[in-house]
PDB file of N, CA and C in Angstrom:
ATOM      1  N   MET A   1     -10.498  79.038  19.489  1.00  0.00           N
ATOM      2  CA  MET A   1     -10.673  80.538  19.260  1.00  0.00           C
ATOM      3  C   MET A   1      -9.753  80.957  18.061  1.00  0.00           C
ATOM      4  N   SER A   2     -10.430  81.447  17.399  1.00  0.00           N
ATOM      5  CA  SER A   2      -9.562  81.883  16.289  1.00  0.00           C
ATOM      6  C   SER A   2      -8.814  83.158  16.128  1.00  0.00           C
ATOM      7  N   ASN A   3      -7.849  83.288  15.306  1.00  0.00           N
ATOM      8  CA  ASN A   3      -7.087  85.082  15.675  1.00  0.00           C
ATOM      9  C   ASN A   3      -8.084  86.107  15.347  1.00  0.00           C
ATOM     10  N   ASP A   4      -9.270  85.747  14.565  1.00  0.00           N
ATOM     11  CA  ASP A   4      -9.945  87.154  14.238  1.00  0.00           C
ATOM     12  C   ASP A   4     -10.577  87.341  15.683  1.00  0.00           C
ATOM     13  N   ASP A   5     -11.010  85.974  16.419  1.00  0.00           N
ATOM     14  CA  ASP A   5     -12.022  86.368  17.744  1.00  0.00           C
ATOM     15  C   ASP A   5     -10.863  87.065  18.844  1.00  0.00           C
ATOM     16  N   ILE A   6      -9.633  86.555  18.585  1.00  0.00           N
ATOM     17  CA  ILE A   6      -8.573  87.102  19.794  1.00  0.00           C
ATOM     18  C   ILE A   6      -8.403  88.764  19.426  1.00  0.00           C
ATOM     19  N   GLU A   7      -8.326  89.150  18.030  1.00  0.00           N
ATOM     20  CA  GLU A   7      -8.110  90.441  17.608  1.00  0.00           C
ATOM     21  C   GLU A   7      -9.496  91.466  17.696  1.00  0.00           C
ATOM     22  N   ARG A   8     -10.542  90.683  17.611  1.00  0.00           N
ATOM     23  CA  ARG A   8     -11.659  91.533  17.711  1.00  0.00           C
ATOM     24  C   ARG A   8     -12.876  90.874  18.432  1.00  0.00           C
ATOM     25  N   PRO A   9     -12.463  91.100  19.978  1.00  0.00           N
ATOM     26  CA  PRO A   9     -13.429  90.438  20.977  1.00  0.00           C
ATOM     27  C   PRO A   9     -14.974  90.973  20.880  1.00  0.00           C
ATOM     28  N   PHE A  10     -14.905  91.963  20.663  1.00  0.00           N
ATOM     29  CA  PHE A  10     -16.413  92.620  20.427  1.00  0.00           C
ATOM     30  C   PHE A  10     -16.859  93.087  19.008  1.00  0.00           C
ATOM     31  N   ASP A  11     -17.827  92.645  18.465  1.00  0.00           N
ATOM     32  CA  ASP A  11     -18.487  92.903  17.210  1.00  0.00           C
ATOM     33  C   ASP A  11     -18.807  94.241  16.915  1.00  0.00           C
ATOM     34  N   SER A  12     -19.430  94.726  18.372  1.00  0.00           N
ATOM     35  CA  SER A  12     -20.057  96.061  18.151  1.00  0.00           C
ATOM     36  C   SER A  12     -20.108  96.564  19.374  1.00  0.00           C
ATOM     37  N   ILE A  13     -20.186  97.936  19.416  1.00  0.00           N
ATOM     38  CA  ILE A  13     -20.471  98.540  20.500  1.00  0.00           C
ATOM     39  C   ILE A  13     -21.528  97.775  21.596  1.00  0.00           C
ATOM     40  N   GLU A  14     -22.562  97.361  20.879  1.00  0.00           N
ATOM     41  CA  GLU A  14     -23.870  96.857  21.808  1.00  0.00           C
ATOM     42  C   GLU A  14     -23.194  95.287  22.583  1.00  0.00           C
ATOM     43  N   SER A  15     -22.230  94.879  21.864  1.00  0.00           N
ATOM     44  CA  SER A  15     -21.839  93.414  22.654  1.00  0.00           C
ATOM     45  C   SER A  15     -20.782  94.099  23.477  1.00  0.00           C
ATOM     46  N   ALA A  16     -19.984  95.011  23.525  1.00  0.00           N
ATOM     47  CA  ALA A  16     -19.143  95.489  24.487  1.00  0.00           C
ATOM     48  C   ALA A  16     -19.883  96.009  25.639  1.00  0.00           C
ATOM     49  N   HIS A  17     -21.230  96.498  25.366  1.00  0.00           N
ATOM     50  CA  HIS A  17     -21.892  97.276  26.559  1.00  0.00           C
ATOM     51  C   HIS A  17     -22.524  96.025  27.323  1.00  0.00           C
ATOM     52  N   GLU A  18     -22.800  94.933  26.741  1.00  0.00           N
ATOM     53  CA  GLU A  18     -23.505  93.667  27.168  1.00  0.00           C
ATOM     54  C   GLU A  18     -22.397  93.075  27.992  1.00  0.00           C
ATOM     55  N   TYR A  19     -21.404  92.910  27.665  1.00  0.00           N
ATOM     56  CA  TYR A  19     -20.070  92.271  28.432  1.00  0.00           C
ATOM     57  C   TYR A  19     -20.201  93.009  29.745  1.00  0.00           C
ATOM     58  N   MET A  20     -19.885  94.342  29.268  1.00  0.00           N
ATOM     59  CA  MET A  20     -19.855  95.219  30.854  1.00  0.00           C
ATOM     60  C   MET A  20     -20.929  94.952  31.831  1.00  0.00           C
ATOM     61  N   THR A  21     -22.070  94.876  31.054  1.00  0.00           N
ATOM     62  CA  THR A  21     -23.275  94.441  32.075  1.00  0.00           C
ATOM     63  C   THR A  21     -23.186  93.287  32.759  1.00  0.00           C
ATOM     64  N   LEU A  22     -22.393  92.558  32.077  1.00  0.00           N
ATOM     65  CA  LEU A  22     -22.419  91.133  32.846  1.00  0.00           C
ATOM     66  C   LEU A  22     -21.345  91.153  33.843  1.00  0.00           C
ATOM     67  N   LEU A  23     -20.304  91.702  33.487  1.00  0.00           N
ATOM     68  CA  LEU A  23     -19.377  92.170  34.448  1.00  0.00           C
ATOM     69  C   LEU A  23     -19.557  92.887  35.855  1.00  0.00           C
ATOM     70  N   ALA A  24     -20.763  93.881  35.777  1.00  0.00           N
ATOM     71  CA  ALA A  24     -21.288  94.515  36.650  1.00  0.00           C
ATOM     72  C   ALA A  24     -21.899  93.771  37.737  1.00  0.00           C
ATOM     73  N   ASN A  25     -22.758  93.006  37.129  1.00  0.00           N
ATOM     74  CA  ASN A  25     -23.589  92.008  37.756  1.00  0.00           C
ATOM     75  C   ASN A  25     -22.711  91.028  38.410  1.00  0.00           C
ATOM     76  N   THR A  26     -21.497  90.530  38.046  1.00  0.00           N
ATOM     77  CA  THR A  26     -20.939  89.723  38.622  1.00  0.00           C
ATOM     78  C   THR A  26     -20.043  90.254  39.470  1.00  0.00           C
ATOM     79  N   ALA A  27     -19.364  91.464  39.471  1.00  0.00           N
ATOM     80  CA  ALA A  27     -19.110  92.245  40.544  1.00  0.00           C
ATOM     81  C   ALA A  27     -19.673  92.421  41.759  1.00  0.00           C
ATOM     82  N   LEU A  28     -21.056  92.935  41.362  1.00  0.00           N
ATOM     83  CA  LEU A  28     -21.881  93.088  42.481  1.00  0.00           C
ATOM     84  C   LEU A  28     -22.186  91.684  43.206  1.00  0.00           C
ATOM     85  N   ASP A  29     -22.561  90.656  42.387  1.00  0.00           N
ATOM     86  CA  ASP A  29     -22.845  89.250  43.019  1.00  0.00           C
ATOM     87  C   ASP A  29     -21.632  88.930  44.196  1.00  0.00           C
ATOM     88  N   SER A  30     -20.398  89.363  43.610  1.00  0.00           N
ATOM     89  CA  SER A  30     -19.346  89.113  44.622  1.00  0.00           C
ATOM     90  C   SER A  30     -19.236  89.958  45.576  1.00  0.00           C
ATOM     91  N   ILE A  31     -19.716  91.101  45.611  1.00  0.00           N
ATOM     92  CA  ILE A  31     -19.588  91.917  46.779  1.00  0.00           C
ATOM     93  C   ILE A  31     -20.426  91.384  47.746  1.00  0.00           C
ATOM     94  N   VAL A  32     -21.786  90.773  47.459  1.00  0.00           N
ATOM     95  CA  VAL A  32     -22.599  90.434  48.318  1.00  0.00           C
ATOM     96  C   VAL A  32     -22.106  89.142  49.162  1.00  0.00           C
ATOM     97  N   GLU A  33     -21.524  88.382  48.259  1.00  0.00           N
ATOM     98  CA  GLU A  33     -21.132  87.095  48.728  1.00  0.00           C
ATOM     99  C   GLU A  33     -19.859  87.374  49.576  1.00  0.00           C
ATOM    100  N   LEU A  34     -18.956  88.322  49.431  1.00  0.00           N
ATOM    101  CA  LEU A  34     -17.995  88.550  50.140  1.00  0.00           C
ATOM    102  C   LEU A  34     -18.433  89.138  51.780  1.00  0.00           C
ATOM    103  N   SER A  35     -19.403  90.118  51.409  1.00  0.00           N
ATOM    104  CA  SER A  35     -19.995  90.669  52.521  1.00  0.00           C
ATOM    105  C   SER A  35     -20.458  89.564  53.531  1.00  0.00           C
ATOM    106  N   HIS A  36     -20.933  88.633  53.149  1.00  0.00           N
ATOM    107  CA  HIS A  36     -21.269  87.399  53.895  1.00  0.00           C
ATOM    108  C   HIS A  36     -20.099  86.579  54.726  1.00  0.00           C
ATOM    109  N   ASP A  37     -19.252  86.541  53.780  1.00  0.00           N
ATOM    110  CA  ASP A  37     -17.800  86.049  54.251  1.00  0.00           C
ATOM    111  C   ASP A  37     -17.123  86.777  55.493  1.00  0.00           C
ATOM    112  N   ARG A  38     -17.351  88.217  55.292  1.00  0.00           N
ATOM    113  CA  ARG A  38     -16.551  89.267  56.483  1.00  0.00           C
ATOM    114  C   ARG A  38     -17.470  88.964  57.207  1.00  0.00           C
ATOM    115  N   ASP A  39     -18.747  88.900  57.166  1.00  0.00           N
ATOM    116  CA  ASP A  39     -19.584  88.703  58.725  1.00  0.00           C
ATOM    117  C   ASP A  39     -19.139  87.262  59.223  1.00  0.00           C
ATOM    118  N   LEU A  40     -19.126  86.415  58.522  1.00  0.00           N
ATOM    119  CA  LEU A  40     -18.776  85.171  59.108  1.00  0.00           C
ATOM    120  C   LEU A  40     -17.280  85.033  59.867  1.00  0.00           C
ATOM    121  N   ALA A  41     -16.243  85.576  59.114  1.00  0.00           N
ATOM    122  CA  ALA A  41     -15.046  85.843  59.635  1.00  0.00           C
ATOM    123  C   ALA A  41     -14.990  86.824  60.847  1.00  0.00           C
ATOM    124  N   LEU A  42     -15.851  87.651  60.972  1.00  0.00           N
ATOM    125  CA  LEU A  42     -15.850  88.503  62.324  1.00  0.00           C
ATOM    126  C   LEU A  42     -16.480  87.807  63.373  1.00  0.00           C
ATOM    127  N   ARG A  43     -17.496  86.978  63.219  1.00  0.00           N
ATOM    128  CA  ARG A  43     -18.267  85.949  64.076  1.00  0.00           C
ATOM    129  C   ARG A  43     -17.261  84.987  64.574  1.00  0.00           C
ATOM    130  N   GLU A  44     -16.369  84.544  63.946  1.00  0.00           N
ATOM    131  CA  GLU A  44     -15.233  83.549  64.239  1.00  0.00           C
ATOM    132  C   GLU A  44     -14.055  84.164  64.952  1.00  0.00           C
ATOM    133  N   GLY A  45     -14.125  85.474  64.958  1.00  0.00           N
ATOM    134  CA  GLY A  45     -12.904  86.258  65.366  1.00  0.00           C
ATOM    135  C   GLY A  45     -11.638  86.199  64.397  1.00  0.00           C
ATOM    136  N   GLN A  46     -11.954  86.039  63.138  1.00  0.00           N
ATOM    137  CA  GLN A  46     -10.885  86.286  62.217  1.00  0.00           C
ATOM    138  C   GLN A  46     -10.585  87.451  61.678  1.00  0.00           C
ATOM    139  N   GLN A  47     -10.143  88.266  62.570  1.00  0.00           N
ATOM    140  CA  GLN A  47     -10.037  89.543  62.143  1.00  0.00           C
ATOM    141  C   GLN A  47      -9.197  89.790  60.801  1.00  0.00           C
ATOM    142  N   ARG A  48      -8.008  89.318  60.672  1.00  0.00           N
ATOM    143  CA  ARG A  48      -6.920  89.438  59.639  1.00  0.00           C
ATOM    144  C   ARG A  48      -7.829  88.953  58.205  1.00  0.00           C
ATOM    145  N   ARG A  49      -8.586  88.076  58.561  1.00  0.00           N
ATOM    146  CA  ARG A  49      -9.443  87.497  57.266  1.00  0.00           C
ATOM    147  C   ARG A  49     -10.554  88.331  56.759  1.00  0.00           C
ATOM    148  N   ALA A  50     -11.038  89.050  57.688  1.00  0.00           N
ATOM    149  CA  ALA A  50     -12.086  90.006  57.716  1.00  0.00           C
ATOM    150  C   ALA A  50     -11.681  91.450  57.003  1.00  0.00           C
ATOM    151  N   GLN A  51     -10.506  91.713  57.522  1.00  0.00           N
ATOM    152  CA  GLN A  51      -9.712  92.837  56.870  1.00  0.00           C
ATOM    153  C   GLN A  51      -9.612  92.769  55.322  1.00  0.00           C
ATOM    154  N   ALA A  52      -9.177  91.539  55.270  1.00  0.00           N
ATOM    155  CA  ALA A  52      -8.829  91.164  53.883  1.00  0.00           C
ATOM    156  C   ALA A  52      -9.968  90.982  52.815  1.00  0.00           C
ATOM    157  N   ILE A  53     -10.681  90.481  53.433  1.00  0.00           N
ATOM    158  CA  ILE A  53     -12.087  90.503  52.830  1.00  0.00           C
ATOM    159  C   ILE A  53     -12.628  92.028  52.437  1.00  0.00           C
ATOM    160  N   GLU A  54     -12.732  92.692  53.532  1.00  0.00           N
ATOM    161  CA  GLU A  54     -13.141  94.370  53.393  1.00  0.00           C
ATOM    162  C   GLU A  54     -12.095  94.953  52.068  1.00  0.00           C
ATOM    163  N   LEU A  55     -11.163  94.533  52.181  1.00  0.00           N
ATOM    164  CA  LEU A  55     -10.127  95.142  51.076  1.00  0.00           C
ATOM    165  C   LEU A  55     -10.804  94.644  49.777  1.00  0.00           C
ATOM    166  N   ALA A  56     -10.836  93.386  49.564  1.00  0.00           N
ATOM    167  CA  ALA A  56     -11.477  93.148  48.424  1.00  0.00           C
ATOM    168  C   ALA A  56     -12.730  93.528  47.973  1.00  0.00           C
ATOM    169  N   ILE A  57     -13.322  93.617  48.786  1.00  0.00           N
ATOM    170  CA  ILE A  57     -15.044  94.514  48.830  1.00  0.00           C
ATOM    171  C   ILE A  57     -14.533  96.016  48.267  1.00  0.00           C
ATOM    172  N   PHE A  58     -13.767  96.772  48.728  1.00  0.00           N
ATOM    173  CA  PHE A  58     -13.530  97.915  48.476  1.00  0.00           C
ATOM    174  C   PHE A  58     -13.187  98.000  46.983  1.00  0.00           C
ATOM    175  N   LYS A  59     -12.102  96.904  46.645  1.00  0.00           N
ATOM    176  CA  LYS A  59     -11.454  96.829  45.175  1.00  0.00           C
ATOM    177  C   LYS A  59     -12.544  96.534  44.224  1.00  0.00           C
ATOM    178  N   LEU A  60     -13.695  95.905  44.632  1.00  0.00           N
ATOM    179  CA  LEU A  60     -14.477  95.359  43.701  1.00  0.00           C
ATOM    180  C   LEU A  60     -15.731  96.908  43.563  1.00  0.00           C
ATOM    181  N   LYS A  61     -15.848  97.415  44.616  1.00  0.00           N
ATOM    182  CA  LYS A  61     -16.424  98.776  44.359  1.00  0.00           C
ATOM    183  C   LYS A  61     -15.803  99.616  43.564  1.00  0.00           C
ATOM    184  N   ILE A  62     -14.427 100.046  43.524  1.00  0.00           N
ATOM    185  CA  ILE A  62     -13.627 100.601  42.755  1.00  0.00           C
ATOM    186  C   ILE A  62     -13.893 100.014  41.277  1.00  0.00           C
ATOM    187  N   LEU A  63     -13.836  98.930  41.217  1.00  0.00           N
ATOM    188  CA  LEU A  63     -13.844  98.296  39.779  1.00  0.00           C
ATOM    189  C   LEU A  63     -15.664  98.596  39.158  1.00  0.00           C
ATOM    190  N   GLY A  64     -16.553  98.520  40.298  1.00  0.00           N
ATOM    191  CA  GLY A  64     -17.856  98.797  39.842  1.00  0.00           C
ATOM    192  C   GLY A  64     -17.898 100.125  39.434  1.00  0.00           C
ATOM    193  N   CYS A  65     -17.200 100.939  39.949  1.00  0.00           N
ATOM    194  CA  CYS A  65     -17.451 102.408  39.374  1.00  0.00           C
ATOM    195  C   CYS A  65     -16.716 102.446  38.064  1.00  0.00           C
ATOM    196  N   HIS A  66     -15.634 101.935  37.865  1.00  0.00           N
ATOM    197  CA  HIS A  66     -15.085 102.172  36.586  1.00  0.00           C
ATOM    198  C   HIS A  66     -15.960 101.438  35.319  1.00  0.00           C
ATOM    199  N   ILE A  67     -16.314 100.328  35.920  1.00  0.00           N
ATOM    200  CA  ILE A  67     -17.439  99.533  34.449  1.00  0.00           C
ATOM    201  C   ILE A  67     -18.787 100.356  34.559  1.00  0.00           C
ATOM    202  N   PHE A  68     -19.098 101.162  35.625  1.00  0.00           N
ATOM    203  CA  PHE A  68     -20.403 102.102  35.509  1.00  0.00           C
ATOM    204  C   PHE A  68     -19.768 103.417  34.496  1.00  0.00           C
ATOM    205  N   LYS A  69     -18.933 103.648  34.689  1.00  0.00           N
ATOM    206  CA  LYS A  69     -18.144 104.601  33.718  1.00  0.00           C
ATOM    207  C   LYS A  69     -18.094 104.160  32.245  1.00  0.00           C
ATOM    208  N   GLY A  70     -17.751 102.935  32.163  1.00  0.00           N
ATOM    209  CA  GLY A  70     -17.432 102.192  30.854  1.00  0.00           C
ATOM    210  C   GLY A  70     -18.722 102.040  30.133  1.00  0.00           C
ATOM    211  N   ARG A  71     -19.512 101.757  31.154  1.00  0.00           N
ATOM    212  CA  ARG A  71     -20.882 101.325  30.267  1.00  0.00           C
ATOM    213  C   ARG A  71     -21.686 103.085  29.592  1.00  0.00           C
ATOM    214  N   ARG A  72     -21.306 103.798  30.645  1.00  0.00           N
ATOM    215  CA  ARG A  72     -21.816 105.335  30.224  1.00  0.00           C
ATOM    216  C   ARG A  72     -21.278 105.827  28.819  1.00  0.00           C
ATOM    217  N   ALA A  73     -19.934 105.542  28.539  1.00  0.00           N
ATOM    218  CA  ALA A  73     -19.201 105.922  27.466  1.00  0.00           C
ATOM    219  C   ALA A  73     -19.384 105.161  26.455  1.00  0.00           C
ATOM    220  N   LEU A  74     -19.682 103.957  26.533  1.00  0.00           N
ATOM    221  CA  LEU A  74     -20.052 103.176  25.439  1.00  0.00           C
ATOM    222  C   LEU A  74     -21.705 103.553  25.049  1.00  0.00           C
ATOM    223  N   ASN A  75     -22.525 104.030  25.998  1.00  0.00           N
ATOM    224  CA  ASN A  75     -23.792 104.269  25.663  1.00  0.00           C
ATOM    225  C   ASN A  75     -23.686 105.855  24.973  1.00  0.00           C
ATOM    226  N   ASP A  76     -23.024 106.443  25.376  1.00  0.00           N
ATOM    227  CA  ASP A  76     -22.443 107.822  24.584  1.00  0.00           C
ATOM    228  C   ASP A  76     -22.092 107.619  23.238  1.00  0.00           C
ATOM    229  N   LEU A  77     -21.181 106.657  22.887  1.00  0.00           N
ATOM    230  CA  LEU A  77     -20.697 106.025  21.712  1.00  0.00           C
ATOM    231  C   LEU A  77     -22.013 105.460  20.843  1.00  0.00           C
ATOM    232  N   ARG A  78     -22.900 104.916  21.497  1.00  0.00           N
ATOM    233  CA  ARG A  78     -24.014 104.521  20.650  1.00  0.00           C
ATOM    234  C   ARG A  78     -24.903 105.406  20.061  1.00  0.00           C
ATOM    235  N   ILE A  79     -25.100 106.323  21.083  1.00  0.00           N
ATOM    236  CA  ILE A  79     -25.873 107.555  20.861  1.00  0.00           C
ATOM    237  C   ILE A  79     -25.432 108.291  19.646  1.00  0.00           C
ATOM    238  N   LEU A  80     -23.853 108.623  19.905  1.00  0.00           N
ATOM    239  CA  LEU A  80     -23.320 109.490  18.796  1.00  0.00           C
ATOM    240  C   LEU A  80     -23.203 108.642  17.547  1.00  0.00           C
ATOM    241  N   ARG A  81     -23.183 107.597  17.092  1.00  0.00           N
ATOM    242  CA  ARG A  81     -23.524 106.754  16.252  1.00  0.00           C
ATOM    243  C   ARG A  81     -24.551 106.956  15.534  1.00  0.00           C
ATOM    244  N   ARG A  82     -25.632 106.639  16.208  1.00  0.00           N
ATOM    245  CA  ARG A  82     -26.741 106.756  15.610  1.00  0.00           C
ATOM    246  C   ARG A  82     -27.036 108.360  15.146  1.00  0.00           C
ATOM    247  N   LEU A  83     -26.542 109.415  16.019  1.00  0.00           N
ATOM    248  CA  LEU A  83     -26.681 110.933  15.207  1.00  0.00           C
ATOM    249  C   LEU A  83     -26.007 110.805  13.983  1.00  0.00           C
ATOM    250  N   ILE A  84     -24.699 110.310  14.148  1.00  0.00           N
ATOM    251  CA  ILE A  84     -23.994 110.269  12.730  1.00  0.00           C
ATOM    252  C   ILE A  84     -24.406 109.530  11.528  1.00  0.00           C
ATOM    253  N   LEU A  85     -24.816 108.529  11.784  1.00  0.00           N
ATOM    254  CA  LEU A  85     -25.379 107.604  10.739  1.00  0.00           C
ATOM    255  C   LEU A  85     -27.022 108.242  10.321  1.00  0.00           C
ATOM    256  N   ASN A  86     -27.696 108.966  11.185  1.00  0.00           N
ATOM    257  CA  ASN A  86     -28.975 109.223  10.647  1.00  0.00           C
ATOM    258  C   ASN A  86     -28.560 110.864  10.062  1.00  0.00           C
ATOM    259  N   GLU A  87     -27.726 111.557  10.285  1.00  0.00           N
ATOM    260  CA  GLU A  87     -27.256 112.535   9.538  1.00  0.00           C
ATOM    261  C   GLU A  87     -26.571 112.196   8.196  1.00  0.00           C
ATOM    262  N   ARG A  88     -25.970 111.236   7.921  1.00  0.00           N
ATOM    263  CA  ARG A  88     -25.683 110.790   6.728  1.00  0.00           C
ATOM    264  C   ARG A  88     -26.669 110.305   6.154  1.00  0.00           C
ATOM    265  N   LEU A  89     -27.685 109.324   6.732  1.00  0.00           N
ATOM    266  CA  LEU A  89     -28.870 109.126   5.792  1.00  0.00           C
ATOM    267  C   LEU A  89     -29.453 110.299   5.085  1.00  0.00           C
ATOM    268  N   THR A  90     -29.417 111.400   6.140  1.00  0.00           N
ATOM    269  CA  THR A  90     -30.364 112.516   5.826  1.00  0.00           C
ATOM    270  C   THR A  90     -30.020 113.137   4.722  1.00  0.00           C
ATOM    271  N   LEU A  91     -28.527 113.390   4.570  1.00  0.00           N
ATOM    272  CA  LEU A  91     -27.639 113.950   3.569  1.00  0.00           C
ATOM    273  C   LEU A  91     -27.716 113.163   2.583  1.00  0.00           C
ATOM    274  N   GLU A  92     -27.731 111.793   2.723  1.00  0.00           N
ATOM    275  CA  GLU A  92     -27.990 110.864   1.032  1.00  0.00           C
ATOM    276  C   GLU A  92     -29.311 111.250   0.324  1.00  0.00           C
ATOM    277  N   ASN A  93     -30.142 111.155   1.484  1.00  0.00           N
ATOM    278  CA  ASN A  93     -31.391 111.596   1.043  1.00  0.00           C
ATOM    279  C   ASN A  93     -31.648 112.829   0.044  1.00  0.00           C
ATOM    280  N   ILE A  94     -31.179 113.646   0.603  1.00  0.00           N
ATOM    281  CA  ILE A  94     -31.052 115.246   0.098  1.00  0.00           C
ATOM    282  C   ILE A  94     -30.492 115.071  -1.220  1.00  0.00           C
ATOM    283  N   ILE A  95     -29.073 114.549  -1.112  1.00  0.00           N
ATOM    284  CA  ILE A  95     -28.448 114.453  -2.448  1.00  0.00           C
ATOM    285  C   ILE A  95     -29.236 113.545  -3.491  1.00  0.00           C
ATOM    286  N   ALA A  96     -29.881 112.540  -2.989  1.00  0.00           N
ATOM    287  CA  ALA A  96     -30.416 111.436  -3.986  1.00  0.00           C
ATOM    288  C   ALA A  96     -32.035 112.370  -4.373  1.00  0.00           C
ATOM    289  N   SER A  97     -32.435 112.840  -3.735  1.00  0.00           N
ATOM    290  CA  SER A  97     -33.522 113.463  -4.356  1.00  0.00           C
ATOM    291  C   SER A  97     -33.337 114.731  -5.171  1.00  0.00           C
ATOM    292  N   MET A  98     -32.219 115.220  -5.558  1.00  0.00           N
ATOM    293  CA  MET A  98     -31.478 116.170  -6.421  1.00  0.00           C
ATOM    294  C   MET A  98     -31.917 115.728  -7.761  1.00  0.00           C
TER     295      MET A  98
END
């Protein structure tokens, strides 16, 4: 991994959005897995383990909310960038036609 990769992990808003989508899917998969583990722990009478798993599920749900908000912010930035670039292109077209 080069220094450039470390300094700029995402080349674009789209790649950051894609990463957040992967992170959201991973968090969701983990919640499903942990739910099964919690059920198994409860069946085996491991109350303390079940409580720890429940806390992990709760934290993953909080993370999921933050990821969702981050994805929305990235989407808003994409929309704003398009509006800004279209505005510039329109202004450049007007100036070029003079």
